[in-house]
């Protein structure tokens, strides 16, 4: 897990070259992991190998969504779309994020309905992690990203 976090941190740092972007991204990924594990504990969900894979998928999707938010904020400033304000760029990022989340939920739904054992655990954990991310951690990260990057605008 530590090696994976360091690898992701290196890639994000190489991409943006700013610690003020890297630190919040990693912090919110860890917070999202804690929230997913806490929700699983509240539901008394047994964390097996398939559930761990679902958590990894959800955290990976979360990191991707954070990159979408940052890129929409930063690249919107440099593209032909300069006339969009910061709020409009964040709204566009969330439109992309909600579309991606809906796609994952639709993809997991057959595993949830038809699946047994490990497949069902993977689907439930992935959907749970995705919902926590989309409704809790992504909006919080969006506000933090707006605050951090507003100064550059």
N, C-alpha and C. Protein backbone atom coordinates (compact mmCIF):
# COMPACT_ATOMS: atom_id res chain seq x y z
N UNK A 1 0.83 -1.20 0.00
CA UNK A 1 0.00 0.00 0.00
C UNK A 1 0.87 1.26 0.00
N UNK A 2 1.93 1.24 0.79
CA UNK A 2 2.82 2.41 0.85
C UNK A 2 3.51 2.62 -0.49
N UNK A 3 3.95 1.55 -1.11
CA UNK A 3 4.61 1.65 -2.42
C UNK A 3 3.62 2.19 -3.46
N UNK A 4 2.37 1.74 -3.39
CA UNK A 4 1.36 2.22 -4.33
C UNK A 4 1.10 3.71 -4.14
N UNK A 5 1.00 4.15 -2.89
CA UNK A 5 0.78 5.57 -2.60
C UNK A 5 1.96 6.40 -3.09
N UNK A 6 3.17 5.91 -2.86
CA UNK A 6 4.36 6.64 -3.32
C UNK A 6 4.42 6.70 -4.85
N UNK A 7 4.04 5.62 -5.51
CA UNK A 7 4.04 5.61 -6.98
C UNK A 7 3.03 6.62 -7.51
N UNK A 8 1.84 6.64 -6.95
CA UNK A 8 0.82 7.60 -7.37
C UNK A 8 1.30 9.02 -7.08
N UNK A 9 1.90 9.23 -5.92
CA UNK A 9 2.41 10.56 -5.56
C UNK A 9 3.47 11.02 -6.55
N UNK A 10 4.35 10.12 -6.95
CA UNK A 10 5.39 10.49 -7.92
C UNK A 10 4.78 10.88 -9.26
N UNK A 11 3.81 10.12 -9.73
CA UNK A 11 3.18 10.42 -11.02
C UNK A 11 2.46 11.76 -10.96
N UNK A 12 1.73 12.00 -9.87
CA UNK A 12 1.01 13.26 -9.73
C UNK A 12 1.99 14.43 -9.63
N UNK A 13 3.08 14.24 -8.89
CA UNK A 13 4.06 15.33 -8.77
C UNK A 13 4.72 15.62 -10.11
N UNK A 14 5.04 14.58 -10.87
CA UNK A 14 5.64 14.79 -12.19
C UNK A 14 4.67 15.52 -13.10
N UNK A 15 3.38 15.21 -12.99
CA UNK A 15 2.35 15.83 -13.84
C UNK A 15 2.17 17.31 -13.51
N UNK A 16 2.06 17.65 -12.23
CA UNK A 16 1.72 19.03 -11.85
C UNK A 16 2.89 19.83 -11.29
N UNK A 17 3.88 19.16 -10.74
CA UNK A 17 5.07 19.80 -10.15
C UNK A 17 4.72 20.82 -9.06
N UNK A 18 3.67 20.55 -8.31
CA UNK A 18 3.25 21.45 -7.24
C UNK A 18 2.83 20.62 -6.04
N UNK A 19 3.48 20.86 -4.91
CA UNK A 19 3.10 20.15 -3.69
C UNK A 19 1.72 20.59 -3.20
N UNK A 20 1.32 21.82 -3.52
CA UNK A 20 0.02 22.29 -3.05
C UNK A 20 -1.13 21.60 -3.78
N UNK A 21 -0.83 20.88 -4.85
CA UNK A 21 -1.82 20.03 -5.50
C UNK A 21 -1.67 18.59 -5.01
N UNK A 22 -0.44 18.14 -4.88
CA UNK A 22 -0.16 16.74 -4.49
C UNK A 22 -0.68 16.43 -3.08
N UNK A 23 -0.39 17.28 -2.13
CA UNK A 23 -0.75 17.00 -0.73
C UNK A 23 -2.26 16.86 -0.54
N UNK A 24 -3.09 17.80 -1.05
CA UNK A 24 -4.54 17.61 -0.89
C UNK A 24 -5.06 16.36 -1.61
N UNK A 25 -4.51 16.05 -2.77
CA UNK A 25 -4.97 14.85 -3.50
C UNK A 25 -4.72 13.59 -2.68
N UNK A 26 -3.52 13.46 -2.15
CA UNK A 26 -3.20 12.28 -1.35
C UNK A 26 -3.99 12.27 -0.04
N UNK A 27 -4.14 13.43 0.56
CA UNK A 27 -4.90 13.52 1.81
C UNK A 27 -6.34 13.06 1.60
N UNK A 28 -6.98 13.55 0.54
CA UNK A 28 -8.38 13.19 0.30
C UNK A 28 -8.51 11.73 -0.12
N UNK A 29 -7.51 11.17 -0.77
CA UNK A 29 -7.55 9.74 -1.09
C UNK A 29 -7.51 8.90 0.19
N UNK A 30 -6.68 9.31 1.13
CA UNK A 30 -6.59 8.59 2.41
C UNK A 30 -7.88 8.76 3.20
N UNK A 31 -8.45 9.97 3.19
CA UNK A 31 -9.72 10.20 3.88
C UNK A 31 -10.82 9.35 3.26
N UNK A 32 -10.83 9.26 1.94
CA UNK A 32 -11.82 8.43 1.26
C UNK A 32 -11.67 6.96 1.65
N UNK A 33 -10.44 6.49 1.75
CA UNK A 33 -10.20 5.11 2.18
C UNK A 33 -10.74 4.89 3.59
N UNK A 34 -10.48 5.82 4.49
CA UNK A 34 -10.98 5.71 5.87
C UNK A 34 -12.50 5.70 5.89
N UNK A 35 -13.13 6.56 5.08
CA UNK A 35 -14.59 6.60 5.04
C UNK A 35 -15.19 5.29 4.51
N UNK A 36 -14.56 4.74 3.48
CA UNK A 36 -15.06 3.47 2.91
C UNK A 36 -14.91 2.35 3.93
N UNK A 37 -13.76 2.27 4.58
CA UNK A 37 -13.56 1.23 5.60
C UNK A 37 -14.50 1.44 6.77
N UNK A 38 -14.74 2.69 7.15
CA UNK A 38 -15.68 2.98 8.23
C UNK A 38 -17.10 2.58 7.86
N UNK A 39 -17.51 2.88 6.63
CA UNK A 39 -18.85 2.49 6.18
C UNK A 39 -18.98 0.97 6.13
N UNK A 40 -17.93 0.29 5.67
CA UNK A 40 -17.95 -1.17 5.64
C UNK A 40 -18.04 -1.73 7.06
N UNK A 41 -17.37 -1.12 8.00
CA UNK A 41 -17.43 -1.57 9.38
C UNK A 41 -18.84 -1.34 9.97
N UNK A 42 -19.44 -0.19 9.65
CA UNK A 42 -20.79 0.08 10.13
C UNK A 42 -21.80 -0.92 9.57
N UNK A 43 -21.58 -1.33 8.33
CA UNK A 43 -22.47 -2.31 7.70
C UNK A 43 -22.10 -3.74 8.08
N UNK A 44 -21.04 -3.87 8.87
CA UNK A 44 -20.52 -5.18 9.28
C UNK A 44 -20.17 -6.04 8.05
N UNK A 45 -19.60 -5.36 7.06
CA UNK A 45 -19.20 -6.03 5.82
C UNK A 45 -17.85 -6.70 6.03
N UNK A 46 -17.76 -7.95 5.65
CA UNK A 46 -16.50 -8.67 5.76
C UNK A 46 -15.59 -8.23 4.62
N UNK A 47 -14.41 -7.78 4.98
CA UNK A 47 -13.45 -7.32 3.98
C UNK A 47 -12.62 -8.53 3.52
N UNK A 48 -12.98 -9.05 2.36
CA UNK A 48 -12.23 -10.16 1.78
C UNK A 48 -11.41 -9.62 0.60
N UNK A 49 -10.79 -10.50 -0.14
CA UNK A 49 -9.93 -10.08 -1.25
C UNK A 49 -10.71 -9.33 -2.32
N UNK A 50 -11.92 -9.78 -2.61
CA UNK A 50 -12.74 -9.08 -3.61
C UNK A 50 -13.12 -7.68 -3.12
N UNK A 51 -13.41 -7.55 -1.84
CA UNK A 51 -13.74 -6.23 -1.29
C UNK A 51 -12.54 -5.30 -1.34
N UNK A 52 -11.37 -5.82 -1.08
CA UNK A 52 -10.15 -5.02 -1.18
C UNK A 52 -9.95 -4.54 -2.62
N UNK A 53 -10.22 -5.42 -3.57
CA UNK A 53 -10.13 -5.03 -4.99
C UNK A 53 -11.15 -3.93 -5.30
N UNK A 54 -12.35 -4.02 -4.74
CA UNK A 54 -13.35 -2.98 -4.92
C UNK A 54 -12.93 -1.65 -4.33
N UNK A 55 -12.30 -1.71 -3.16
CA UNK A 55 -11.80 -0.48 -2.53
C UNK A 55 -10.70 0.14 -3.39
N UNK A 56 -9.81 -0.69 -3.90
CA UNK A 56 -8.75 -0.18 -4.77
C UNK A 56 -9.34 0.45 -6.02
N UNK A 57 -10.36 -0.19 -6.60
CA UNK A 57 -11.03 0.38 -7.79
C UNK A 57 -11.67 1.73 -7.45
N UNK A 58 -12.31 1.81 -6.29
CA UNK A 58 -12.96 3.07 -5.90
C UNK A 58 -11.93 4.17 -5.65
N UNK A 59 -10.84 3.84 -4.99
CA UNK A 59 -9.79 4.84 -4.73
C UNK A 59 -9.13 5.27 -6.05
N UNK A 60 -8.93 4.33 -6.94
CA UNK A 60 -8.37 4.67 -8.26
C UNK A 60 -9.28 5.59 -9.04
N UNK A 61 -10.58 5.31 -8.98
CA UNK A 61 -11.55 6.18 -9.63
C UNK A 61 -11.53 7.56 -8.98
N UNK A 62 -11.37 7.58 -7.66
CA UNK A 62 -11.30 8.85 -6.94
C UNK A 62 -10.10 9.69 -7.36
N UNK A 63 -8.96 9.04 -7.50
CA UNK A 63 -7.76 9.75 -7.94
C UNK A 63 -7.96 10.30 -9.35
N UNK A 64 -8.56 9.49 -10.21
CA UNK A 64 -8.86 9.95 -11.57
C UNK A 64 -9.79 11.17 -11.53
N UNK A 65 -10.80 11.13 -10.69
CA UNK A 65 -11.72 12.25 -10.58
C UNK A 65 -11.03 13.50 -10.06
N UNK A 66 -10.11 13.33 -9.13
CA UNK A 66 -9.36 14.48 -8.63
C UNK A 66 -8.52 15.09 -9.76
N UNK A 67 -7.94 14.25 -10.59
CA UNK A 67 -7.16 14.75 -11.73
C UNK A 67 -8.07 15.50 -12.70
N UNK A 68 -9.28 15.00 -12.92
CA UNK A 68 -10.24 15.70 -13.78
C UNK A 68 -10.54 17.09 -13.23
N UNK A 69 -10.76 17.17 -11.92
CA UNK A 69 -11.06 18.46 -11.30
C UNK A 69 -9.89 19.43 -11.48
N UNK A 70 -8.69 18.97 -11.15
CA UNK A 70 -7.51 19.83 -11.28
C UNK A 70 -7.28 20.24 -12.73
N UNK A 71 -7.38 19.29 -13.65
CA UNK A 71 -7.16 19.61 -15.06
C UNK A 71 -8.20 20.59 -15.60
N UNK A 72 -9.46 20.41 -15.21
CA UNK A 72 -10.48 21.35 -15.67
C UNK A 72 -10.20 22.76 -15.15
N UNK A 73 -9.75 22.84 -13.90
CA UNK A 73 -9.44 24.15 -13.34
C UNK A 73 -8.22 24.76 -14.02
N UNK A 74 -7.14 23.98 -14.12
CA UNK A 74 -5.88 24.52 -14.67
C UNK A 74 -5.92 24.68 -16.18
N UNK A 75 -6.39 23.66 -16.89
CA UNK A 75 -6.35 23.72 -18.35
C UNK A 75 -7.40 24.65 -18.92
N UNK A 76 -8.46 24.89 -18.16
CA UNK A 76 -9.45 25.85 -18.61
C UNK A 76 -8.88 27.25 -18.71
N UNK A 77 -7.85 27.52 -17.93
CA UNK A 77 -7.20 28.83 -17.95
C UNK A 77 -6.34 29.02 -19.18
N UNK A 78 -5.82 27.92 -19.72
CA UNK A 78 -4.86 28.04 -20.82
C UNK A 78 -5.46 27.72 -22.18
N UNK A 79 -6.67 27.20 -22.21
CA UNK A 79 -7.27 26.81 -23.48
C UNK A 79 -8.05 27.98 -24.08
N UNK A 80 -8.76 27.69 -25.15
CA UNK A 80 -9.60 28.70 -25.78
C UNK A 80 -10.83 29.01 -24.95
N UNK A 81 -10.97 28.37 -23.82
CA UNK A 81 -12.16 28.52 -22.99
C UNK A 81 -11.87 29.43 -21.78
N UNK A 82 -11.00 30.40 -21.94
CA UNK A 82 -10.64 31.29 -20.84
C UNK A 82 -11.85 32.05 -20.30
N UNK A 83 -12.83 32.23 -21.16
CA UNK A 83 -13.99 33.00 -20.74
C UNK A 83 -14.85 32.27 -19.71
N UNK A 84 -14.62 30.97 -19.50
CA UNK A 84 -15.34 30.26 -18.45
C UNK A 84 -14.74 30.63 -17.11
N UNK A 85 -15.58 30.91 -16.15
CA UNK A 85 -15.10 31.20 -14.82
C UNK A 85 -14.72 29.93 -14.08
N UNK A 86 -14.13 30.10 -12.93
CA UNK A 86 -13.69 28.97 -12.12
C UNK A 86 -14.86 28.06 -11.77
N UNK A 87 -15.98 28.64 -11.36
CA UNK A 87 -17.16 27.85 -10.99
C UNK A 87 -17.65 27.02 -12.18
N UNK A 88 -17.65 27.60 -13.35
CA UNK A 88 -18.12 26.89 -14.54
C UNK A 88 -17.19 25.72 -14.87
N UNK A 89 -15.89 25.90 -14.70
CA UNK A 89 -14.95 24.81 -14.97
C UNK A 89 -15.11 23.68 -13.98
N UNK A 90 -15.36 24.03 -12.71
CA UNK A 90 -15.59 22.99 -11.69
C UNK A 90 -16.90 22.26 -11.99
N UNK A 91 -17.92 22.97 -12.43
CA UNK A 91 -19.18 22.32 -12.80
C UNK A 91 -18.97 21.34 -13.95
N UNK A 92 -18.16 21.73 -14.92
CA UNK A 92 -17.86 20.81 -16.03
C UNK A 92 -17.14 19.58 -15.54
N UNK A 93 -16.23 19.75 -14.59
CA UNK A 93 -15.51 18.61 -14.03
C UNK A 93 -16.49 17.66 -13.34
N UNK A 94 -17.44 18.19 -12.60
CA UNK A 94 -18.40 17.35 -11.90
C UNK A 94 -19.37 16.68 -12.87
N UNK A 95 -19.66 17.30 -13.98
CA UNK A 95 -20.47 16.64 -15.00
C UNK A 95 -19.75 15.39 -15.51
N UNK A 96 -18.46 15.50 -15.76
CA UNK A 96 -17.65 14.36 -16.19
C UNK A 96 -17.61 13.29 -15.09
N UNK A 97 -17.42 13.71 -13.85
CA UNK A 97 -17.32 12.78 -12.73
C UNK A 97 -18.62 12.02 -12.53
N UNK A 98 -19.76 12.71 -12.58
CA UNK A 98 -21.04 12.03 -12.39
C UNK A 98 -21.31 11.06 -13.54
N UNK A 99 -20.93 11.43 -14.74
CA UNK A 99 -21.09 10.52 -15.88
C UNK A 99 -20.25 9.25 -15.71
N UNK A 100 -19.01 9.42 -15.27
CA UNK A 100 -18.14 8.27 -15.05
C UNK A 100 -18.66 7.40 -13.92
N UNK A 101 -19.17 8.02 -12.85
CA UNK A 101 -19.71 7.25 -11.72
C UNK A 101 -20.93 6.45 -12.15
N UNK A 102 -21.80 7.06 -12.92
CA UNK A 102 -22.98 6.35 -13.40
C UNK A 102 -22.59 5.15 -14.25
N UNK A 103 -21.57 5.32 -15.07
CA UNK A 103 -21.09 4.21 -15.91
C UNK A 103 -20.59 3.05 -15.06
N UNK A 104 -19.83 3.35 -14.02
CA UNK A 104 -19.31 2.30 -13.15
C UNK A 104 -20.45 1.60 -12.41
N UNK A 105 -21.41 2.37 -11.90
CA UNK A 105 -22.53 1.75 -11.19
C UNK A 105 -23.31 0.84 -12.13
N UNK A 106 -23.56 1.28 -13.34
CA UNK A 106 -24.27 0.44 -14.32
C UNK A 106 -23.46 -0.82 -14.62
N UNK A 107 -22.15 -0.69 -14.70
CA UNK A 107 -21.30 -1.85 -14.96
C UNK A 107 -21.29 -2.82 -13.77
N UNK A 108 -21.39 -2.30 -12.55
CA UNK A 108 -21.38 -3.15 -11.36
C UNK A 108 -22.74 -3.76 -11.05
N UNK A 109 -23.79 -3.17 -11.57
CA UNK A 109 -25.13 -3.64 -11.25
C UNK A 109 -25.37 -5.11 -11.59
N UNK A 110 -24.97 -5.60 -12.78
CA UNK A 110 -25.15 -7.04 -13.05
C UNK A 110 -24.39 -7.93 -12.06
N UNK A 111 -23.19 -7.53 -11.66
CA UNK A 111 -22.46 -8.31 -10.66
C UNK A 111 -23.19 -8.31 -9.32
N UNK A 112 -23.83 -7.21 -9.00
CA UNK A 112 -24.57 -7.10 -7.75
C UNK A 112 -25.82 -7.99 -7.78
N UNK A 113 -26.52 -8.00 -8.89
CA UNK A 113 -27.77 -8.75 -9.00
C UNK A 113 -27.51 -10.25 -9.21
N UNK A 114 -26.66 -10.57 -10.16
CA UNK A 114 -26.43 -11.97 -10.53
C UNK A 114 -25.30 -12.60 -9.74
N UNK A 115 -24.36 -11.76 -9.32
CA UNK A 115 -23.15 -12.26 -8.69
C UNK A 115 -23.39 -13.00 -7.38
N UNK A 116 -22.48 -13.87 -7.10
CA UNK A 116 -22.51 -14.57 -5.82
C UNK A 116 -21.12 -14.45 -5.20
N UNK A 117 -21.08 -14.48 -3.91
CA UNK A 117 -19.81 -14.48 -3.20
C UNK A 117 -18.92 -13.31 -3.52
N UNK A 118 -17.75 -13.62 -4.08
CA UNK A 118 -16.72 -12.61 -4.31
C UNK A 118 -17.16 -11.54 -5.30
N UNK A 119 -17.89 -11.92 -6.35
CA UNK A 119 -18.31 -10.93 -7.33
C UNK A 119 -19.26 -9.91 -6.70
N UNK A 120 -20.14 -10.40 -5.86
CA UNK A 120 -21.09 -9.51 -5.19
C UNK A 120 -20.35 -8.58 -4.23
N UNK A 121 -19.38 -9.10 -3.51
CA UNK A 121 -18.59 -8.28 -2.60
C UNK A 121 -17.82 -7.19 -3.33
N UNK A 122 -17.25 -7.55 -4.47
CA UNK A 122 -16.54 -6.57 -5.29
C UNK A 122 -17.49 -5.47 -5.74
N UNK A 123 -18.67 -5.84 -6.21
CA UNK A 123 -19.64 -4.86 -6.70
C UNK A 123 -20.11 -3.95 -5.58
N UNK A 124 -20.45 -4.52 -4.44
CA UNK A 124 -20.95 -3.71 -3.32
C UNK A 124 -19.88 -2.74 -2.84
N UNK A 125 -18.68 -3.23 -2.67
CA UNK A 125 -17.61 -2.36 -2.17
C UNK A 125 -17.26 -1.27 -3.17
N UNK A 126 -17.24 -1.62 -4.45
CA UNK A 126 -16.94 -0.61 -5.47
C UNK A 126 -18.02 0.46 -5.51
N UNK A 127 -19.28 0.04 -5.49
CA UNK A 127 -20.38 1.01 -5.52
C UNK A 127 -20.37 1.86 -4.25
N UNK A 128 -20.16 1.24 -3.10
CA UNK A 128 -20.10 1.99 -1.84
C UNK A 128 -18.99 3.02 -1.87
N UNK A 129 -17.81 2.61 -2.28
CA UNK A 129 -16.68 3.53 -2.37
C UNK A 129 -16.92 4.65 -3.36
N UNK A 130 -17.54 4.31 -4.47
CA UNK A 130 -17.84 5.31 -5.49
C UNK A 130 -18.85 6.33 -4.99
N UNK A 131 -19.88 5.87 -4.30
CA UNK A 131 -20.90 6.78 -3.78
C UNK A 131 -20.33 7.70 -2.69
N UNK A 132 -19.51 7.15 -1.83
CA UNK A 132 -18.86 7.98 -0.81
C UNK A 132 -17.98 9.03 -1.50
N UNK A 133 -17.27 8.61 -2.52
CA UNK A 133 -16.42 9.55 -3.24
C UNK A 133 -17.19 10.62 -3.95
N UNK A 134 -18.22 10.24 -4.69
CA UNK A 134 -18.96 11.20 -5.50
C UNK A 134 -19.75 12.18 -4.65
N UNK A 135 -20.32 11.70 -3.55
CA UNK A 135 -21.19 12.58 -2.76
C UNK A 135 -20.50 13.23 -1.56
N UNK A 136 -19.32 12.76 -1.17
CA UNK A 136 -18.65 13.34 -0.01
C UNK A 136 -17.27 13.90 -0.38
N UNK A 137 -16.36 13.02 -0.81
CA UNK A 137 -14.97 13.48 -0.95
C UNK A 137 -14.72 14.31 -2.20
N UNK A 138 -15.39 14.03 -3.33
CA UNK A 138 -15.15 14.85 -4.53
C UNK A 138 -15.62 16.28 -4.35
N UNK A 139 -16.85 16.51 -3.83
CA UNK A 139 -17.24 17.91 -3.60
C UNK A 139 -16.31 18.63 -2.63
N UNK A 140 -15.87 17.93 -1.58
CA UNK A 140 -14.93 18.56 -0.64
C UNK A 140 -13.62 18.88 -1.33
N UNK A 141 -13.11 17.93 -2.13
CA UNK A 141 -11.86 18.19 -2.85
C UNK A 141 -12.05 19.32 -3.86
N UNK A 142 -13.21 19.37 -4.51
CA UNK A 142 -13.49 20.46 -5.46
C UNK A 142 -13.40 21.82 -4.80
N UNK A 143 -13.97 21.95 -3.60
CA UNK A 143 -13.89 23.22 -2.87
C UNK A 143 -12.45 23.55 -2.49
N UNK A 144 -11.71 22.54 -2.05
CA UNK A 144 -10.31 22.77 -1.69
C UNK A 144 -9.51 23.16 -2.92
N UNK A 145 -9.74 22.49 -4.04
CA UNK A 145 -9.02 22.81 -5.28
C UNK A 145 -9.35 24.22 -5.74
N UNK A 146 -10.62 24.62 -5.63
CA UNK A 146 -10.99 25.98 -5.98
C UNK A 146 -10.22 26.98 -5.11
N UNK A 147 -10.20 26.72 -3.82
CA UNK A 147 -9.51 27.61 -2.88
C UNK A 147 -8.02 27.70 -3.18
N UNK A 148 -7.38 26.54 -3.38
CA UNK A 148 -5.94 26.51 -3.61
C UNK A 148 -5.58 27.17 -4.93
N UNK A 149 -6.35 26.87 -5.98
CA UNK A 149 -5.97 27.33 -7.32
C UNK A 149 -6.57 28.69 -7.67
N UNK A 150 -7.47 29.20 -6.84
CA UNK A 150 -8.07 30.51 -7.10
C UNK A 150 -7.00 31.60 -7.08
N UNK A 151 -6.00 31.43 -6.21
CA UNK A 151 -4.95 32.42 -6.07
C UNK A 151 -4.13 32.56 -7.35
N UNK A 152 -4.04 31.45 -8.12
CA UNK A 152 -3.26 31.50 -9.36
C UNK A 152 -4.02 32.17 -10.49
N UNK A 153 -5.34 32.24 -10.36
CA UNK A 153 -6.16 32.77 -11.44
C UNK A 153 -6.13 34.24 -11.49
